[in-house]
Amino acid sequence: MGPEAMLGMLREGILLILMMIAPIVGSGLLVGLTVSILQATTQIQEPTLAFVPKIVTVLLVLMLLGGWIINLITRFTLQLWEKGLILF
């Protein structure tokens, strides 16, 4: 296995990680922005009001997309085994 193949798989791994975390981080960002706008317009500065909705949103997105994320990880791991990059 040459260095080009290993760098290609490393690139695919990084892209896979970005694909997996994008919906999670994006939903947390969207809810955080919405809560911040709500806090700014109503002048409510309660710190827990900012954290609780984000935590709940991230957990819900993880529950909804958990199967898809596991499927991506499984396919990538099988690719690594087929190419001989994981040896046991």
C-alpha atoms as a PDB file:
ATOM      1  CA  MET A   1       0.000   0.000   0.000  1.00  0.00           C
ATOM      2  CA  GLY A   2       1.555   3.238  -1.148  1.00  0.00           C
ATOM      3  CA  PRO A   3       1.516   6.590   0.556  1.00  0.00           C
ATOM      4  CA  GLU A   4      -0.969   7.937  -2.010  1.00  0.00           C
ATOM      5  CA  ALA A   5      -3.547   5.341  -1.042  1.00  0.00           C
ATOM      6  CA  MET A   6      -3.033   5.988   2.653  1.00  0.00           C
ATOM      7  CA  LEU A   7      -3.369   9.750   2.157  1.00  0.00           C
ATOM      8  CA  GLY A   8      -6.527   9.147   0.120  1.00  0.00           C
ATOM      9  CA  MET A   9      -8.066   7.084   2.896  1.00  0.00           C
ATOM     10  CA  LEU A  10      -7.025   9.721   5.450  1.00  0.00           C
ATOM     11  CA  ARG A  11      -8.749  12.360   3.315  1.00  0.00           C
ATOM     12  CA  GLU A  12     -11.878  10.201   3.102  1.00  0.00           C
ATOM     13  CA  GLY A  13     -11.799   9.727   6.873  1.00  0.00           C
ATOM     14  CA  ILE A  14     -11.637  13.456   7.513  1.00  0.00           C
ATOM     15  CA  LEU A  15     -14.492  14.074   5.070  1.00  0.00           C
ATOM     16  CA  LEU A  16     -16.492  11.325   6.790  1.00  0.00           C
ATOM     17  CA  ILE A  17     -16.007  12.989  10.171  1.00  0.00           C
ATOM     18  CA  LEU A  18     -17.142  16.320   8.742  1.00  0.00           C
ATOM     19  CA  MET A  19     -20.221  14.682   7.201  1.00  0.00           C
ATOM     20  CA  MET A  20     -21.106  13.051  10.520  1.00  0.00           C
ATOM     21  CA  ILE A  21     -20.765  16.147  12.692  1.00  0.00           C
ATOM     22  CA  ALA A  22     -22.216  18.730  10.283  1.00  0.00           C
ATOM     23  CA  PRO A  23     -25.898  18.039  11.071  1.00  0.00           C
ATOM     24  CA  ILE A  24     -25.199  17.851  14.803  1.00  0.00           C
ATOM     25  CA  VAL A  25     -23.186  21.061  14.997  1.00  0.00           C
ATOM     26  CA  GLY A  26     -25.452  22.815  12.504  1.00  0.00           C
ATOM     27  CA  SER A  27     -28.607  22.090  14.483  1.00  0.00           C
ATOM     28  CA  GLY A  28     -26.954  23.203  17.721  1.00  0.00           C
ATOM     29  CA  LEU A  29     -25.774  26.374  16.017  1.00  0.00           C
ATOM     30  CA  LEU A  30     -29.225  27.110  14.612  1.00  0.00           C
ATOM     31  CA  VAL A  31     -30.951  26.598  17.971  1.00  0.00           C
ATOM     32  CA  GLY A  32     -28.276  28.633  19.764  1.00  0.00           C
ATOM     33  CA  LEU A  33     -28.701  31.495  17.320  1.00  0.00           C
ATOM     34  CA  THR A  34     -32.480  31.389  17.690  1.00  0.00           C
ATOM     35  CA  VAL A  35     -32.267  31.411  21.490  1.00  0.00           C
ATOM     36  CA  SER A  36     -29.713  34.250  21.403  1.00  0.00           C
ATOM     37  CA  ILE A  37     -31.999  36.351  19.211  1.00  0.00           C
ATOM     38  CA  LEU A  38     -34.892  35.591  21.549  1.00  0.00           C
ATOM     39  CA  GLN A  39     -32.803  36.571  24.582  1.00  0.00           C
ATOM     40  CA  ALA A  40     -31.638  39.780  22.927  1.00  0.00           C
ATOM     41  CA  THR A  41     -35.146  40.866  21.965  1.00  0.00           C
ATOM     42  CA  THR A  42     -36.704  40.064  25.362  1.00  0.00           C
ATOM     43  CA  GLN A  43     -33.619  41.084  27.397  1.00  0.00           C
ATOM     44  CA  ILE A  44     -33.716  37.807  29.332  1.00  0.00           C
ATOM     45  CA  GLN A  45     -30.138  36.875  30.255  1.00  0.00           C
ATOM     46  CA  GLU A  46     -30.633  33.473  31.836  1.00  0.00           C
ATOM     47  CA  PRO A  47     -27.582  31.246  31.087  1.00  0.00           C
ATOM     48  CA  THR A  48     -29.496  27.974  31.320  1.00  0.00           C
ATOM     49  CA  LEU A  49     -31.917  29.206  28.685  1.00  0.00           C
ATOM     50  CA  ALA A  50     -29.066  29.097  26.179  1.00  0.00           C
ATOM     51  CA  PHE A  51     -27.696  25.643  27.063  1.00  0.00           C
ATOM     52  CA  VAL A  52     -30.718  23.433  27.649  1.00  0.00           C
ATOM     53  CA  PRO A  53     -32.319  23.816  24.178  1.00  0.00           C
ATOM     54  CA  LYS A  54     -28.959  23.188  22.498  1.00  0.00           C
ATOM     55  CA  ILE A  55     -28.335  20.034  24.535  1.00  0.00           C
ATOM     56  CA  VAL A  56     -31.835  18.723  23.829  1.00  0.00           C
ATOM     57  CA  THR A  57     -31.485  19.489  20.103  1.00  0.00           C
ATOM     58  CA  VAL A  58     -28.113  17.769  19.811  1.00  0.00           C
ATOM     59  CA  LEU A  59     -29.412  14.685  21.614  1.00  0.00           C
ATOM     60  CA  LEU A  60     -32.497  14.544  19.369  1.00  0.00           C
ATOM     61  CA  VAL A  61     -30.371  14.860  16.224  1.00  0.00           C
ATOM     62  CA  LEU A  62     -28.069  12.103  17.507  1.00  0.00           C
ATOM     63  CA  MET A  63     -31.073   9.863  18.131  1.00  0.00           C
ATOM     64  CA  LEU A  64     -32.528  10.568  14.683  1.00  0.00           C
ATOM     65  CA  LEU A  65     -29.285  10.256  12.721  1.00  0.00           C
ATOM     66  CA  GLY A  66     -27.557   7.609  14.857  1.00  0.00           C
ATOM     67  CA  GLY A  67     -28.299   4.783  12.417  1.00  0.00           C
ATOM     68  CA  TRP A  68     -27.018   6.796   9.474  1.00  0.00           C
ATOM     69  CA  ILE A  69     -23.810   7.676  11.347  1.00  0.00           C
ATOM     70  CA  ILE A  70     -23.217   4.042  12.340  1.00  0.00           C
ATOM     71  CA  ASN A  71     -23.800   3.008   8.716  1.00  0.00           C
ATOM     72  CA  LEU A  72     -21.183   5.514   7.491  1.00  0.00           C
ATOM     73  CA  ILE A  73     -18.633   4.346  10.056  1.00  0.00           C
ATOM     74  CA  THR A  74     -19.284   0.687   9.224  1.00  0.00           C
ATOM     75  CA  ARG A  75     -18.869   1.219   5.480  1.00  0.00           C
ATOM     76  CA  PHE A  76     -15.645   3.170   6.004  1.00  0.00           C
ATOM     77  CA  THR A  77     -14.245   0.489   8.318  1.00  0.00           C
ATOM     78  CA  LEU A  78     -15.074  -2.228   5.793  1.00  0.00           C
ATOM     79  CA  GLN A  79     -13.308  -0.180   3.108  1.00  0.00           C
ATOM     80  CA  LEU A  80     -10.221   0.010   5.311  1.00  0.00           C
ATOM     81  CA  TRP A  81     -10.277  -3.771   5.850  1.00  0.00           C
ATOM     82  CA  GLU A  82     -10.658  -4.430   2.132  1.00  0.00           C
ATOM     83  CA  LYS A  83      -7.698  -2.216   1.304  1.00  0.00           C
ATOM     84  CA  GLY A  84      -5.583  -3.791   4.014  1.00  0.00           C
ATOM     85  CA  LEU A  85      -5.122  -0.657   6.098  1.00  0.00           C
ATOM     86  CA  ILE A  86      -6.464  -2.322   9.253  1.00  0.00           C
ATOM     87  CA  LEU A  87      -4.576  -5.431  10.249  1.00  0.00           C
ATOM     88  CA  PHE A  88      -5.451  -7.597  13.245  1.00  0.00           C
END
